[in-house]
Amino acid sequence: MERSSEKAEAAPEELGLPAAGKYDLRQGVETLSRLNEQRTPADKLACIRAATWAIEGAQALPADELLPLFVSLILRAKPSHLYRYIEIT
């Protein structure tokens, strides 16, 4: 099993992104990297939402195109303990 740090450099094409070059993930990565600074679950969710909408042009994408972009965003931002924030009980 590969570590997430090794997958962080995956090319967008490897993630199945259509026309991946037209999306700028930098602002979303910067926003998501501040996830650990948030204290409440609502603040963490707002940070994840803001990171997703920070992807330029993502607002008009259907879910099947947005999901690979979001995965790429997570891999690049490398938020620590992400599983704690999304754990379903």
Protein backbone atom coordinates (compact mmCIF):
# COMPACT_ATOMS: atom_id res chain seq x y z
CA MET A 1 0.00 0.00 0.00
CA GLU A 2 1.41 3.37 -1.00
CA ARG A 3 1.63 6.17 1.50
CA SER A 4 -0.43 9.31 0.84
CA SER A 5 2.74 11.40 0.58
CA GLU A 6 3.79 9.29 -2.39
CA LYS A 7 0.42 9.83 -4.11
CA ALA A 8 0.54 13.60 -3.53
CA GLU A 9 2.49 14.01 -6.74
CA ALA A 10 -0.02 12.11 -8.90
CA ALA A 11 -0.71 13.83 -12.17
CA PRO A 12 -4.29 15.06 -12.59
CA GLU A 13 -4.64 12.82 -15.64
CA GLU A 14 -3.94 9.80 -13.41
CA LEU A 15 -6.95 10.81 -11.32
CA GLY A 16 -9.23 10.83 -14.34
CA LEU A 17 -9.65 14.60 -14.54
CA PRO A 18 -11.00 15.90 -17.82
CA ALA A 19 -9.04 18.90 -19.11
CA ALA A 20 -7.20 18.98 -15.78
CA GLY A 21 -4.87 21.76 -16.83
CA LYS A 22 -7.62 24.35 -16.66
CA TYR A 23 -8.16 23.99 -12.90
CA ASP A 24 -6.01 25.91 -10.42
CA LEU A 25 -5.89 24.06 -7.11
CA ARG A 26 -3.45 26.38 -5.30
CA GLN A 27 -6.06 28.47 -3.48
CA GLY A 28 -7.97 25.37 -2.45
CA VAL A 29 -4.80 23.68 -1.17
CA GLU A 30 -3.94 26.78 0.85
CA THR A 31 -7.45 26.88 2.35
CA LEU A 32 -7.55 23.16 3.15
CA SER A 33 -4.11 23.27 4.76
CA ARG A 34 -5.68 25.45 7.49
CA LEU A 35 -8.11 22.66 8.45
CA ASN A 36 -6.18 21.81 11.63
CA GLU A 37 -6.53 25.40 12.85
CA GLN A 38 -10.31 25.07 12.98
CA ARG A 39 -11.79 24.15 16.37
CA THR A 40 -15.43 23.18 15.90
CA PRO A 41 -16.90 20.59 13.52
CA ALA A 42 -18.89 23.37 11.82
CA ASP A 43 -15.70 25.38 11.26
CA LYS A 44 -13.94 22.32 9.84
CA LEU A 45 -16.84 21.66 7.47
CA ALA A 46 -16.83 25.32 6.41
CA CYS A 47 -13.08 25.05 5.71
CA ILE A 48 -13.59 21.95 3.55
CA ARG A 49 -16.44 23.65 1.69
CA ALA A 50 -14.38 26.82 1.16
CA ALA A 51 -11.45 24.77 -0.13
CA THR A 52 -13.69 23.01 -2.62
CA TRP A 53 -15.22 26.25 -3.90
CA ALA A 54 -11.78 27.86 -4.08
CA ILE A 55 -11.05 25.67 -7.10
CA GLU A 56 -11.57 28.11 -9.94
CA GLY A 57 -14.38 26.92 -12.17
CA ALA A 58 -15.50 24.15 -9.80
CA GLN A 59 -18.86 25.76 -9.08
CA ALA A 60 -20.22 24.68 -12.46
CA LEU A 61 -18.89 21.10 -12.40
CA PRO A 62 -21.03 18.01 -11.96
CA ALA A 63 -20.15 15.77 -9.01
CA ASP A 64 -18.42 13.13 -11.17
CA GLU A 65 -15.86 15.75 -12.24
CA LEU A 66 -15.66 17.58 -8.91
CA LEU A 67 -14.85 14.47 -6.86
CA PRO A 68 -11.50 13.72 -8.56
CA LEU A 69 -10.57 17.39 -8.18
CA PHE A 70 -11.39 17.21 -4.48
CA VAL A 71 -9.28 14.05 -4.09
CA SER A 72 -6.39 15.81 -5.82
CA LEU A 73 -6.90 18.78 -3.51
CA ILE A 74 -6.69 16.55 -0.43
CA LEU A 75 -3.59 14.78 -1.71
CA ARG A 76 -1.83 18.08 -2.33
CA ALA A 77 -2.87 19.78 0.93
CA LYS A 78 -1.96 16.72 3.05
CA PRO A 79 -4.16 17.65 6.03
CA SER A 80 -3.08 15.66 9.06
CA HIS A 81 -5.63 13.49 10.88
CA LEU A 82 -8.24 13.95 8.16
CA TYR A 83 -9.82 10.62 9.11
CA ARG A 84 -10.70 12.10 12.52
CA TYR A 85 -12.70 14.87 10.90
CA ILE A 86 -14.74 12.66 8.61
CA GLU A 87 -15.17 9.60 10.82
CA ILE A 88 -18.77 8.40 10.76
CA THR A 89 -20.04 6.80 13.95
